[in-house]
Protein backbone atom coordinates (compact mmCIF):
# COMPACT_ATOMS: atom_id res chain seq x y z
CA MET A 1 -2.56 24.98 131.42
CA MET A 2 0.01 27.94 131.38
CA PRO A 3 0.48 30.04 128.34
CA ASN A 4 3.86 29.47 126.62
CA THR A 5 4.36 33.18 125.96
CA PRO A 6 8.67 33.15 126.32
CA THR A 7 9.01 30.52 124.12
CA LYS A 8 6.81 32.69 121.32
CA ALA A 9 9.02 35.91 122.00
CA LEU A 10 12.36 34.20 121.52
CA PRO A 11 12.37 34.32 117.45
CA PHE A 12 11.83 38.27 118.14
CA CYS A 13 14.74 38.79 120.26
CA LEU A 14 17.09 36.82 118.24
CA ALA A 15 16.07 38.66 115.11
CA LEU A 16 16.48 41.90 117.30
CA LEU A 17 19.93 40.92 118.62
CA LEU A 18 21.20 40.02 115.10
CA SER A 19 19.74 43.25 113.76
CA ALA A 20 21.93 44.85 116.47
CA CYS A 21 25.28 43.44 115.66
CA ASN A 22 24.94 43.99 111.92
CA SER A 23 24.63 48.01 112.71
CA ALA A 24 28.05 48.01 114.46
CA PRO A 25 30.61 50.38 112.51
CA ALA A 26 33.51 48.43 111.02
CA PRO A 27 37.07 48.92 112.42
CA THR A 28 38.93 51.63 110.93
CA ALA A 29 42.72 51.26 109.14
CA ALA A 30 45.81 53.08 111.28
CA PRO A 31 46.58 56.68 110.18
CA LEU A 32 49.87 56.80 107.74
CA PRO A 33 52.89 58.41 109.61
CA GLU A 34 53.08 61.93 108.64
CA VAL A 35 56.55 63.28 107.08
CA THR A 36 58.07 66.27 105.64
CA ALA A 37 59.42 65.84 102.33
CA LEU A 38 61.97 67.69 100.29
CA LEU A 39 62.29 67.78 96.60
CA ILE A 40 65.76 67.64 95.47
CA GLN A 41 66.42 70.85 93.03
CA PRO A 42 70.17 71.10 92.30
CA HIS A 43 71.38 75.07 92.43
CA ASP A 44 74.70 77.08 92.43
CA ILE A 45 76.14 77.51 95.60
CA ALA A 46 79.15 79.66 96.73
CA MET A 47 81.80 77.42 98.21
CA ARG A 48 83.33 78.81 101.43
CA SER A 49 85.98 77.38 103.77
CA GLU A 50 87.21 78.38 107.05
CA PHE A 51 90.39 78.17 108.72
CA VAL A 52 91.87 78.88 112.10
CA GLY A 53 94.55 81.71 111.51
CA GLU A 54 96.66 84.25 113.28
CA THR A 55 97.83 87.80 112.02
CA SER A 56 101.02 89.21 111.86
CA GLY A 57 102.61 92.35 110.57
CA VAL A 58 103.91 92.34 106.95
CA ARG A 59 107.26 93.54 108.59
CA ASP A 60 108.07 92.83 112.30
CA VAL A 61 111.43 94.72 112.39
CA GLU A 62 113.90 94.43 115.84
CA VAL A 63 115.21 97.97 116.52
CA ARG A 64 118.71 97.46 117.78
CA ALA A 65 121.69 99.72 118.67
CA ARG A 66 124.58 99.89 116.42
CA VAL A 67 126.83 101.10 118.63
CA GLY A 68 127.28 100.53 122.33
CA GLY A 69 126.84 103.09 125.15
CA ILE A 70 124.67 104.24 127.99
CA LEU A 71 121.08 104.69 127.11
CA LEU A 72 120.39 108.41 127.68
CA LYS A 73 116.64 108.74 126.63
CA ARG A 74 113.50 107.22 125.19
CA THR A 75 111.85 109.49 122.67
CA PHE A 76 108.76 107.64 121.57
CA THR A 77 105.30 106.50 123.32
CA GLU A 78 105.60 102.62 123.65
CA GLY A 79 102.54 100.81 121.87
CA ARG A 80 101.94 104.03 119.56
CA PRO A 81 102.62 104.61 115.97
CA VAL A 82 106.06 105.67 114.84
CA LYS A 83 107.35 107.00 111.49
CA GLN A 84 110.33 105.95 109.25
CA GLY A 85 113.54 108.02 110.38
CA GLN A 86 112.10 109.18 113.71
CA VAL A 87 114.30 108.80 116.60
CA LEU A 88 113.60 106.37 119.24
CA PHE A 89 116.41 106.22 121.51
CA GLU A 90 119.24 108.43 122.22
CA LEU A 91 123.14 106.82 123.36
CA ASP A 92 125.46 109.16 125.10
CA PRO A 93 127.22 110.89 122.16
CA GLU A 94 130.48 112.02 124.06
CA PRO A 95 132.73 109.02 123.35
CA TYR A 96 131.93 109.24 119.79
CA LYS A 97 132.15 113.05 119.72
CA ALA A 98 135.84 112.37 120.67
CA GLU A 99 136.57 109.76 118.44
CA LEU A 100 135.41 112.02 115.60
CA ASP A 101 137.53 114.86 116.60
CA LEU A 102 140.75 112.58 117.01
CA ALA A 103 139.89 111.12 113.49
CA GLN A 104 139.30 114.69 112.07
CA GLY A 105 142.69 115.88 113.74
CA GLU A 106 144.56 112.86 112.34
CA LEU A 107 143.01 113.53 108.86
CA ALA A 108 144.38 116.92 109.28
CA ARG A 109 148.11 115.79 110.04
CA GLN A 110 147.99 113.85 107.27
CA GLN A 111 146.77 116.35 105.06
CA ALA A 112 149.82 118.42 105.99
CA ILE A 113 152.07 115.49 105.27
CA LEU A 114 150.46 115.24 101.72
CA ASN A 115 150.67 118.88 101.14
CA LYS A 116 154.82 118.63 101.96
CA ALA A 117 155.18 115.40 100.04
CA ARG A 118 153.41 117.20 97.09
CA ALA A 119 155.97 120.32 97.16
CA ASP A 120 158.92 118.19 97.86
CA LYS A 121 157.79 116.23 94.23
CA ASP A 122 157.12 119.34 92.57
CA ARG A 123 160.44 120.79 93.30
CA ILE A 124 162.67 118.11 92.93
CA ALA A 125 161.17 116.71 89.46
CA PRO A 126 162.74 119.64 87.37
CA LEU A 127 165.97 119.22 89.11
CA PHE A 128 166.09 115.62 88.08
CA LYS A 129 165.43 116.46 84.20
CA GLU A 130 168.39 118.85 84.71
CA ASN A 131 170.30 115.95 86.37
CA ALA A 132 170.67 118.27 89.33
CA VAL A 133 169.63 115.31 91.90
CA SER A 134 169.89 111.70 91.55
CA LYS A 135 167.16 109.15 90.50
CA LYS A 136 167.04 107.85 93.96
CA ASP A 137 166.12 111.29 95.13
CA ASN A 138 163.43 111.86 92.83
CA ASP A 139 161.86 108.08 93.42
CA ASP A 140 161.68 108.84 96.98
CA ALA A 141 159.99 112.03 96.35
CA ILE A 142 157.29 110.30 94.26
CA SER A 143 157.07 107.28 96.85
CA ALA A 144 156.84 109.76 99.79
CA PHE A 145 153.99 111.57 97.68
CA ALA A 146 152.15 108.43 97.10
CA ALA A 147 152.25 107.22 100.83
CA ALA A 148 150.73 110.64 101.93
CA GLN A 149 147.84 110.27 99.76
CA ALA A 150 147.19 106.54 100.97
CA SER A 151 147.61 108.03 104.46
CA VAL A 152 145.09 110.81 103.72
CA GLN A 153 142.47 108.43 102.29
CA THR A 154 142.90 106.16 105.48
CA ALA A 155 142.18 109.08 107.44
CA GLN A 156 139.30 110.16 105.69
CA ALA A 157 137.75 106.85 106.20
CA LYS A 158 138.38 106.92 110.06
CA VAL A 159 136.54 110.40 109.82
CA LYS A 160 133.68 109.05 107.85
CA THR A 161 133.48 105.92 110.26
CA ALA A 162 133.55 108.17 113.66
CA THR A 163 131.04 110.32 111.91
CA LEU A 164 128.68 107.54 111.17
CA ASN A 165 129.14 106.17 114.78
CA LEU A 166 128.19 109.36 116.14
CA SER A 167 125.17 109.35 114.26
CA TYR A 168 124.20 105.84 115.41
CA THR A 169 123.88 107.27 118.92
CA LYS A 170 120.54 108.34 117.55
CA VAL A 171 118.50 105.30 117.15
CA THR A 172 115.85 105.75 114.47
CA ALA A 173 112.85 103.70 113.25
CA PRO A 174 113.70 101.57 110.15
CA ILE A 175 110.04 101.51 108.96
CA SER A 176 106.65 102.99 109.97
CA GLY A 177 104.58 101.19 112.11
CA ILE A 178 103.39 100.57 115.67
CA SER A 179 106.27 100.18 118.35
CA SER A 180 106.46 97.46 121.31
CA LYS A 181 107.49 98.34 124.62
CA GLU A 182 111.01 99.24 125.44
CA ALA A 183 113.41 95.92 126.13
CA GLN A 184 116.27 98.59 127.87
CA SER A 185 115.33 101.34 130.30
CA GLU A 186 117.08 104.55 130.48
CA GLY A 187 120.63 104.61 132.18
CA SER A 188 121.53 101.04 130.94
CA LEU A 189 124.60 100.21 129.06
CA ILE A 190 123.66 99.12 125.74
CA SER A 191 125.98 96.76 123.50
CA SER A 192 125.73 96.56 119.81
CA SER A 193 125.96 92.69 119.90
CA SER A 194 123.35 92.23 122.52
CA PRO A 195 120.73 89.63 121.35
CA GLN A 196 117.99 91.61 122.76
CA PRO A 197 116.55 94.49 120.68
CA LEU A 198 115.71 97.69 122.14
CA THR A 199 112.09 97.63 120.56
CA THR A 200 110.01 96.06 117.89
CA ILE A 201 108.14 97.80 115.14
CA SER A 202 105.37 96.02 113.59
CA GLN A 203 104.00 97.34 109.95
CA MET A 204 100.39 97.21 110.52
CA SER A 205 98.76 97.62 107.18
CA PRO A 206 98.79 95.53 105.11
CA LEU A 207 98.60 92.84 107.58
CA TYR A 208 98.83 89.02 107.10
CA ALA A 209 96.38 86.36 108.35
CA ASN A 210 98.72 83.19 108.21
CA PHE A 211 96.72 79.77 108.23
CA SER A 212 97.10 75.85 107.28
CA VAL A 213 95.06 73.55 105.41
CA ALA A 214 94.83 70.19 105.79
CA GLU A 215 96.29 67.59 103.09
CA GLN A 216 93.00 65.99 102.54
CA ASP A 217 91.10 69.20 102.22
CA HIS A 218 93.61 70.95 100.14
CA GLN A 219 91.57 69.87 96.88
CA ALA A 220 88.61 70.85 98.35
CA PHE A 221 89.74 74.02 99.28
CA ASN A 222 90.81 75.01 95.63
CA PRO A 223 89.28 72.23 93.36
CA ALA A 224 91.16 73.34 90.36
CA GLN A 225 94.37 71.98 91.65
CA ALA A 226 92.62 68.18 91.18
CA SER A 227 93.10 68.45 87.41
CA ASP A 228 96.11 70.91 87.50
CA PRO A 229 98.41 70.61 90.86
CA SER A 230 100.73 73.59 89.55
CA ARG A 231 97.89 76.05 89.87
CA SER A 232 97.83 78.09 93.10
CA ALA A 233 95.20 79.37 95.38
CA LYS A 234 97.03 82.72 95.35
CA GLY A 235 94.32 85.55 94.60
CA LEU A 236 91.25 83.72 95.93
CA ASN A 237 89.01 86.39 98.05
CA THR A 238 89.08 86.12 101.75
CA GLN A 239 87.33 87.42 104.70
CA ILE A 240 88.26 87.65 108.56
CA MET A 241 86.08 86.53 111.31
CA LEU A 242 86.93 87.95 114.77
CA ALA A 243 86.72 86.16 118.00
CA ASP A 244 83.44 87.60 118.65
CA GLY A 245 82.00 86.62 115.63
CA THR A 246 82.06 89.92 113.83
CA VAL A 247 83.19 90.14 110.40
CA TYR A 248 86.18 92.51 109.59
CA PRO A 249 84.65 94.94 106.72
CA LEU A 250 87.87 94.73 104.31
CA LYS A 251 88.02 91.90 102.13
CA GLY A 252 91.67 90.27 101.53
CA ARG A 253 93.30 88.06 99.16
CA VAL A 254 95.47 84.92 99.45
CA ASN A 255 98.84 85.94 98.36
CA PHE A 256 101.04 83.10 99.31
CA GLN A 257 100.69 79.44 99.11
CA ASP A 258 103.87 76.85 100.20
CA ASN A 259 105.36 74.84 97.83
CA ARG A 260 105.22 71.89 99.89
CA ILE A 261 103.21 69.95 102.34
CA ASP A 262 104.81 70.06 106.05
CA PRO A 263 105.22 65.96 106.68
CA ALA A 264 105.22 67.11 110.37
CA THR A 265 101.55 68.42 110.74
CA GLY A 266 100.34 67.07 106.99
CA THR A 267 99.20 70.89 106.38
CA ILE A 268 100.08 73.38 103.83
CA ASN A 269 100.76 76.81 104.80
CA MET A 270 99.00 79.85 103.08
CA ARG A 271 98.64 83.38 104.01
CA ALA A 272 96.17 86.21 103.03
CA GLN A 273 96.66 90.04 103.11
CA PHE A 274 94.37 92.73 104.23
CA ASN A 275 94.48 96.47 104.55
CA ASN A 276 94.38 97.76 107.80
CA PRO A 277 94.54 101.59 107.61
CA LYS A 278 92.70 102.13 111.09
CA GLY A 279 94.97 99.52 112.90
CA ASP A 280 91.63 97.45 114.03
CA LEU A 281 93.64 94.23 113.61
CA LEU A 282 96.74 93.57 115.69
CA PRO A 283 99.60 90.86 115.02
CA GLY A 284 99.20 87.81 117.07
CA GLN A 285 95.46 87.88 116.92
CA PHE A 286 93.44 84.69 116.40
CA VAL A 287 90.92 84.74 113.74
CA ARG A 288 88.97 82.73 111.21
CA VAL A 289 90.14 82.85 107.88
CA VAL A 290 86.84 82.48 105.43
CA VAL A 291 88.02 81.87 101.72
CA ASP A 292 85.83 82.11 98.70
CA ASN A 293 86.46 79.00 96.46
CA GLY A 294 84.21 80.06 93.93
CA ILE A 295 80.90 78.86 92.50
CA ARG A 296 79.77 75.37 92.56
CA GLN A 297 77.36 74.85 89.78
CA GLN A 298 74.20 72.72 89.72
CA ALA A 299 75.14 71.21 93.42
CA ILE A 300 72.70 68.96 95.53
CA THR A 301 72.68 70.08 99.09
CA ILE A 302 70.32 68.43 101.72
CA PRO A 303 69.80 69.22 105.28
CA GLU A 304 71.77 67.74 107.87
CA ARG A 305 69.11 66.30 109.64
CA ALA A 306 67.84 64.25 106.64
CA ILE A 307 71.10 62.08 106.99
CA VAL A 308 70.74 58.58 108.71
CA GLN A 309 73.69 57.04 109.96
CA LEU A 310 73.61 53.10 109.54
CA GLN A 311 77.10 51.75 110.68
CA ALA A 312 79.79 53.44 108.36
CA GLU A 313 77.18 54.36 105.76
CA LYS A 314 75.31 57.75 104.99
CA ARG A 315 71.80 57.11 103.95
CA VAL A 316 68.61 59.25 103.11
CA MET A 317 64.99 58.06 102.82
CA LEU A 318 63.48 58.42 99.56
CA LEU A 319 59.85 58.49 98.92
CA ASN A 320 58.76 56.79 95.45
CA ASP A 321 55.62 58.09 93.62
CA LYS A 322 53.63 56.16 95.89
CA ASN A 323 54.87 57.65 99.12
CA ILE A 324 56.50 54.43 99.93
CA VAL A 325 60.00 54.99 101.66
CA GLU A 326 63.02 53.61 100.24
CA SER A 327 66.65 53.78 101.95
CA ARG A 328 69.59 54.70 99.65
CA LYS A 329 73.14 55.14 100.28
CA VAL A 330 74.78 58.54 99.36
CA GLN A 331 78.19 60.07 99.17
CA LEU A 332 78.59 63.35 101.10
CA GLY A 333 80.95 66.33 100.55
CA GLU A 334 81.56 69.45 102.20
CA SER A 335 79.11 71.18 104.54
CA ILE A 336 77.72 74.32 103.70
CA GLY A 337 76.27 76.08 107.15
CA HIS A 338 73.38 73.33 108.16
CA GLU A 339 73.38 71.77 104.92
CA VAL A 340 75.69 69.03 103.23
CA ILE A 341 76.68 68.46 99.67
CA VAL A 342 75.77 65.55 97.99
CA GLU A 343 78.42 64.12 95.80
CA SER A 344 76.44 61.10 94.49
CA GLY A 345 73.45 59.01 95.45
CA LEU A 346 70.68 61.89 94.76
CA LYS A 347 69.46 63.46 91.44
CA ALA A 348 67.15 66.19 90.49
CA GLY A 349 63.46 65.72 91.09
CA GLU A 350 63.65 63.00 93.95
CA ARG A 351 62.05 63.64 97.26
CA ILE A 352 63.84 62.77 100.76
CA ILE A 353 62.37 62.81 104.17
CA VAL A 354 63.73 65.62 106.21
CA ASP A 355 61.35 65.40 109.24
CA GLY A 356 59.40 62.44 110.53
CA LEU A 357 62.44 59.71 110.18
CA ILE A 358 61.91 58.06 113.27
CA LYS A 359 58.47 56.88 112.00
CA ALA A 360 59.46 56.11 108.50
CA ARG A 361 60.52 52.49 107.56
CA PRO A 362 61.87 51.08 104.21
CA GLY A 363 58.72 49.59 102.50
CA GLN A 364 56.31 51.49 104.53
CA GLN A 365 53.63 54.07 102.92
CA VAL A 366 53.72 57.55 104.71
CA SER A 367 51.63 60.35 104.46
CA ILE A 368 53.31 64.10 103.31
CA LYS A 369 52.70 66.69 105.93
CA LYS A 370 54.66 69.38 104.08
CA GLU A 371 56.83 69.35 100.87
CA GLY A 372 59.47 71.83 100.27
C-alpha cells in the first residue's frame, strides 16, 4: 500500500500561501497636487498711467518776409540754434532805399511849404489887426498853414513807412530756438503774401508732450475727478520714455487738460511740459508719457498668471484652511506691470493659487509647495 504523503502536506502549503498573501503591502493613496500659494496682503502702490504722445515746441513760429524782393543771402545755418533778433535772410534793399530817399525828399518839400505858410500867417496876422488886409486874406493864410502842417505829417509818415520797409529787408528771428531748412533759396523772388514761410523756428526748451486719454480711462487716470469733475489733472508729475526704452532724466508736469471730450475720437487732449536745456528732445518725436497718479492706499494686487478666464468672468482659485480649492469671481482694475489690481472679490489674509492651476480643481485638496 502506497503512502499518502501529498495529502498530508496540503494543509501546510495552504497555510504557507495564506501567510504570503497577508504579508503583501497595502496600496498607497495618490499624492496631492502641488501648488504655489499667495497670501493676500494689501499694500500702498504708486499709480502710473502710460500714454502715447508726441513732442512739440512750446512755440513753432513761421518766419516770413514782411516785404517783397529778391532774396540775396541766407545768414544762418539750417537746423542750428538761432537767437531772437538774429538776421536770417537779406532781401535786395535798393528799391526800398530809393523809396526812402523819395519820401525824405517829399518831406523836405512839404517842410519848406510849411515854413512859407507859417511866415505868411505871421506877417498877415498883425496887418489884419490894423485892418490893413481883409479877413479873407487872414483866413487864407491860416488855412494854408494848417494844410501845410497836415502835409508835413503825411510826409513824415511816408518816411517812417519807407524806413520800416527798408529795415524789413533784413528778416530777423522772432524768437530763439532751432531753425528748420530754408524754403526759398538765394536769388528767389520773395512775396510778402506768399503762403510759404522762409523757415520755421521751434522753441526747444521747455518742450511739450501732447497725449490723449480715452474717455473710459479718464477717471482712472485722475481718480479725484470721479467725485469732483471740475478738478483738473494739471500739475501731475510726468516722465517721458523714449523709443529705445530709456527714461528722459528730467521730469515734467501736466500743464493743460482740455475742457471737453472729442466726440470724433472719444478722447480728451492733455499736455505735459518738460525742460529741454540740451535739446535732447526734438519736436515731432513719438514718446510714451508716464503720468504719476499718486498713491493708492491698501490696494490688493495679484499676479496676472493667477487669473482664470471662465467665459466672461475673471476668477481666482482660493485655498481654505484645509487647503481645499474654491473658485471665486473677482473684479479687476488697472494693470501695474505684471500684476493687476483687484477691485472686489478678495480680502486680506486669504490665499490664492498662483502656480499649478492646471492641477487644481474646485473641491479638491492640494499640497502647498511654496507660499508667498
